[in-house]
């Protein structure tokens, strides 16, 4: 079963920034960066925090239904967007109607595990600031052109120009929702891409270092049951 595509009319002059929030300090910082972005002439922005979401998918679906913006950016509360021209750059990529989603880091082909960072060819770039005074430039391969088609991107930042419901029926927590949405995009015939960031990175991600949650394995099983037959890993 593939997810539903919503076919309502959307406002092509509006971009929505959607975030599930459980830490107000981080969201205030995230919002500060978003509100300082340069918007192309005629474009407006809206900021939709979702508090108390049952899951990432549930929160994202709730905000999706509240917004009539054609362009939606789903990002973590600890993601800081430093590319001032973000919206213009997204519009340039989304000029290709075949592209459904843009992420900043991901993999060309998912491995059998379904975990994008295990893939043989990873693309993209994110500055990671996990600890005070410790910054790591996670720089993978760069696209040869303006962007590279990939199979999955990380959920720290996913921009879309089509509304596909997030699979809250399957992913009732905080893991694999992003890779699932990428697979759903491809089920509907859309490409997922990562932009060229050779000159500069788009985002700083500030997650706390912590072990992978035990529930990750459970959602990994769910992911592989749903999408495993559609994976074509590189060898």
Protein backbone atom coordinates (compact mmCIF):
# COMPACT_ATOMS: atom_id res chain seq x y z
CA UNK A 1 0.00 0.00 0.00
CA UNK A 2 1.34 3.45 -0.85
CA UNK A 3 0.46 6.62 0.98
CA UNK A 4 -2.13 9.11 -0.21
CA UNK A 5 -1.17 12.12 -2.31
CA UNK A 6 -3.23 15.18 -1.44
CA UNK A 7 -4.51 16.93 -4.57
CA UNK A 8 -5.81 20.21 -3.12
CA UNK A 9 -4.75 23.56 -4.59
CA UNK A 10 -1.55 24.90 -3.01
CA UNK A 11 -0.08 28.40 -2.89
CA UNK A 12 3.11 28.52 -5.00
CA UNK A 13 4.05 31.87 -3.43
CA UNK A 14 4.31 30.44 0.08
CA UNK A 15 6.81 28.27 1.95
CA UNK A 16 6.03 26.61 5.30
CA UNK A 17 8.66 25.59 7.83
CA UNK A 18 7.37 22.68 9.91
CA UNK A 19 8.99 21.43 13.11
CA UNK A 20 8.01 19.02 15.89
CA UNK A 21 8.98 20.80 19.11
CA UNK A 22 9.73 19.49 22.59
CA UNK A 23 12.54 21.90 23.48
CA UNK A 24 11.59 25.56 23.32
CA UNK A 25 15.19 26.80 23.60
CA UNK A 26 16.24 24.92 20.48
CA UNK A 27 13.16 25.91 18.54
CA UNK A 28 13.73 29.60 19.35
CA UNK A 29 17.24 29.26 17.90
CA UNK A 30 15.97 27.35 14.86
CA UNK A 31 13.29 30.00 14.26
CA UNK A 32 15.83 32.82 14.53
CA UNK A 33 17.74 31.38 11.58
CA UNK A 34 14.57 30.71 9.56
CA UNK A 35 13.27 34.23 10.02
CA UNK A 36 16.56 35.69 8.77
CA UNK A 37 16.38 33.89 5.40
CA UNK A 38 16.09 36.00 2.27
CA UNK A 39 12.79 35.39 0.48
CA UNK A 40 12.44 35.85 -3.28
CA UNK A 41 10.14 38.67 -4.38
CA UNK A 42 6.50 37.74 -3.89
CA UNK A 43 7.22 34.80 -1.57
CA UNK A 44 5.94 34.64 2.00
CA UNK A 45 6.88 32.26 4.80
CA UNK A 46 4.96 30.66 7.64
CA UNK A 47 6.35 28.84 10.66
CA UNK A 48 4.41 25.87 12.04
CA UNK A 49 5.69 24.33 15.28
CA UNK A 50 3.89 21.17 16.39
CA UNK A 51 3.97 20.52 20.12
CA UNK A 52 2.90 17.31 21.81
CA UNK A 53 2.96 15.23 18.61
CA UNK A 54 2.37 11.50 19.07
CA UNK A 55 5.08 10.79 16.48
CA UNK A 56 7.10 12.62 13.85
CA UNK A 57 4.74 11.41 11.12
CA UNK A 58 1.64 12.43 13.08
CA UNK A 59 3.08 15.87 13.77
CA UNK A 60 4.11 16.41 10.17
CA UNK A 61 0.73 15.29 8.85
CA UNK A 62 -1.04 17.65 11.25
CA UNK A 63 1.01 20.63 10.07
CA UNK A 64 0.75 19.60 6.42
CA UNK A 65 -3.03 19.76 6.64
CA UNK A 66 -2.87 23.20 8.31
CA UNK A 67 -0.79 24.72 5.53
CA UNK A 68 -1.70 25.60 1.97
CA UNK A 69 1.92 26.37 1.07
CA UNK A 70 3.16 24.47 -1.98
CA UNK A 71 6.68 24.36 -0.58
CA UNK A 72 7.15 22.79 2.82
CA UNK A 73 10.36 22.37 4.75
CA UNK A 74 10.29 19.72 7.49
CA UNK A 75 13.21 20.16 9.84
CA UNK A 76 14.38 19.17 13.28
CA UNK A 77 14.21 21.74 16.06
CA UNK A 78 18.01 21.54 16.39
CA UNK A 79 18.65 22.22 12.68
CA UNK A 80 19.94 25.71 11.93
CA UNK A 81 19.57 26.81 8.30
CA UNK A 82 22.54 29.03 7.43
CA UNK A 83 22.00 29.24 3.66
CA UNK A 84 20.34 32.67 3.38
CA UNK A 85 19.30 31.88 -0.22
CA UNK A 86 17.65 28.61 0.80
CA UNK A 87 14.22 29.38 -0.66
CA UNK A 88 15.60 30.61 -3.99
CA UNK A 89 17.83 27.54 -4.21
CA UNK A 90 14.88 25.25 -3.51
CA UNK A 91 12.74 26.97 -6.13
CA UNK A 92 15.49 26.47 -8.71
CA UNK A 93 15.60 22.74 -7.96
CA UNK A 94 11.82 22.39 -7.80
CA UNK A 95 11.54 23.99 -11.24
CA UNK A 96 11.83 20.35 -12.30
CA UNK A 97 8.33 19.02 -11.53
CA UNK A 98 9.72 15.47 -11.35
CA UNK A 99 11.52 16.33 -8.10
CA UNK A 100 9.32 15.77 -5.07
CA UNK A 101 11.76 16.24 -2.19
CA UNK A 102 15.16 17.77 -1.39
CA UNK A 103 17.40 16.77 1.52
CA UNK A 104 20.89 17.86 2.49
CA UNK A 105 22.50 14.44 3.03
CA UNK A 106 21.59 10.91 1.98
CA UNK A 107 22.53 7.88 -0.10
CA UNK A 108 22.32 6.95 -3.76
CA UNK A 109 20.94 3.45 -3.08
CA UNK A 110 19.70 2.07 0.21
CA UNK A 111 21.51 -1.04 1.48
CA UNK A 112 19.71 -4.17 2.64
CA UNK A 113 19.60 -2.72 6.17
CA UNK A 114 17.43 0.20 4.98
CA UNK A 115 19.76 2.55 6.89
CA UNK A 116 20.90 5.36 4.59
CA UNK A 117 24.31 5.96 6.21
CA UNK A 118 25.23 2.31 5.54
CA UNK A 119 24.95 2.97 1.79
CA UNK A 120 28.03 2.68 -0.44
CA UNK A 121 27.59 6.10 -2.07
CA UNK A 122 26.50 8.88 0.27
CA UNK A 123 26.00 12.44 -0.95
CA UNK A 124 25.63 15.79 0.72
CA UNK A 125 26.97 17.90 3.52
CA UNK A 126 25.94 18.92 7.04
CA UNK A 127 27.92 20.71 9.73
CA UNK A 128 27.46 18.75 12.96
CA UNK A 129 27.83 20.58 16.29
CA UNK A 130 27.15 17.79 18.78
CA UNK A 131 29.21 19.13 21.68
CA UNK A 132 30.33 22.65 22.70
CA UNK A 133 33.43 23.74 20.76
CA UNK A 134 33.30 20.55 18.69
CA UNK A 135 32.17 20.96 15.09
CA UNK A 136 32.46 18.29 12.41
CA UNK A 137 31.95 18.96 8.71
CA UNK A 138 30.15 15.80 7.56
CA UNK A 139 31.01 16.13 3.88
CA UNK A 140 30.16 13.23 1.59
CA UNK A 141 30.35 13.07 -2.20
CA UNK A 142 29.25 16.13 -4.12
CA UNK A 143 26.85 15.96 -7.08
CA UNK A 144 28.52 16.57 -10.42
CA UNK A 145 25.84 19.11 -11.27
CA UNK A 146 23.39 21.19 -9.25
CA UNK A 147 21.97 18.13 -7.48
CA UNK A 148 22.09 14.34 -7.30
CA UNK A 149 19.16 11.94 -7.30
CA UNK A 150 19.26 9.69 -4.22
CA UNK A 151 17.04 7.03 -2.71
CA UNK A 152 16.87 8.44 0.81
CA UNK A 153 17.82 11.56 2.77
CA UNK A 154 18.15 12.28 6.48
CA UNK A 155 15.17 13.78 8.29
CA UNK A 156 17.10 16.69 9.79
CA UNK A 157 15.92 18.63 6.70
CA UNK A 158 13.45 17.57 4.01
CA UNK A 159 11.83 20.09 1.65
CA UNK A 160 8.88 19.06 -0.56
CA UNK A 161 6.76 20.51 -3.35
CA UNK A 162 4.06 17.83 -3.25
CA UNK A 163 1.97 16.73 -0.27
CA UNK A 164 2.26 13.02 0.45
CA UNK A 165 0.94 11.88 3.79
CA UNK A 166 3.66 10.64 6.15
CA UNK A 167 3.15 6.99 7.12
CA UNK A 168 1.90 7.49 10.66
CA UNK A 169 0.10 4.15 10.31
CA UNK A 170 3.50 2.41 10.30
CA UNK A 171 5.96 4.76 11.98
CA UNK A 172 4.45 5.66 15.33
CA UNK A 173 7.69 6.97 16.85
CA UNK A 174 10.71 9.01 15.81
CA UNK A 175 12.72 6.75 13.51
CA UNK A 176 12.72 5.77 9.79
CA UNK A 177 9.87 8.22 9.06
CA UNK A 178 12.25 10.11 6.76
CA UNK A 179 13.42 7.13 4.71
CA UNK A 180 9.81 5.97 4.46
CA UNK A 181 8.72 9.34 3.04
CA UNK A 182 11.51 9.13 0.46
CA UNK A 183 10.30 5.69 -0.59
CA UNK A 184 6.73 6.99 -0.84
CA UNK A 185 7.93 9.83 -3.08
CA UNK A 186 9.44 7.28 -5.43
CA UNK A 187 6.33 5.10 -5.32
CA UNK A 188 4.46 8.12 -6.67
CA UNK A 189 7.06 8.67 -9.41
CA UNK A 190 8.96 11.59 -7.83
CA UNK A 191 12.70 11.98 -7.43
CA UNK A 192 14.46 12.77 -4.16
CA UNK A 193 17.64 14.81 -4.53
CA UNK A 194 20.58 16.29 -2.59
CA UNK A 195 21.95 19.70 -3.72
CA UNK A 196 25.53 20.56 -4.52
CA UNK A 197 27.06 22.16 -1.41
CA UNK A 198 30.69 22.27 -2.53
CA UNK A 199 30.94 26.03 -1.94
CA UNK A 200 29.11 26.07 1.38
CA UNK A 201 26.85 23.94 3.56
CA UNK A 202 23.12 24.63 3.99
CA UNK A 203 22.56 23.48 7.58
CA UNK A 204 24.16 23.09 10.98
CA UNK A 205 22.73 20.18 12.96
CA UNK A 206 23.15 20.24 16.75
CA UNK A 207 22.01 16.83 18.06
CA UNK A 208 23.11 15.42 21.39
CA UNK A 209 25.40 12.41 21.11
CA UNK A 210 23.47 9.38 22.32
CA UNK A 211 23.22 5.66 21.56
CA UNK A 212 20.77 4.55 18.89
CA UNK A 213 17.41 4.03 20.60
CA UNK A 214 16.28 0.43 21.12
CA UNK A 215 13.06 1.23 19.26
CA UNK A 216 15.10 1.95 16.11
CA UNK A 217 15.45 -1.78 15.44
CA UNK A 218 11.68 -2.24 15.68
CA UNK A 219 11.03 0.48 13.12
CA UNK A 220 13.80 -0.92 10.95
CA UNK A 221 11.90 -4.22 10.83
CA UNK A 222 8.69 -2.38 9.92
CA UNK A 223 10.53 -0.47 7.21
CA UNK A 224 11.99 -3.62 5.67
CA UNK A 225 8.64 -5.42 5.76
CA UNK A 226 7.04 -2.54 3.86
CA UNK A 227 9.83 -1.56 1.45
CA UNK A 228 12.41 -4.36 1.50
CA UNK A 229 11.32 -5.82 -1.84
CA UNK A 230 11.80 -2.41 -3.50
CA UNK A 231 15.46 -1.97 -2.44
CA UNK A 232 18.22 -2.40 -5.01
CA UNK A 233 21.45 -2.07 -3.02
CA UNK A 234 24.77 -1.46 -4.69
CA UNK A 235 27.37 -4.18 -4.32
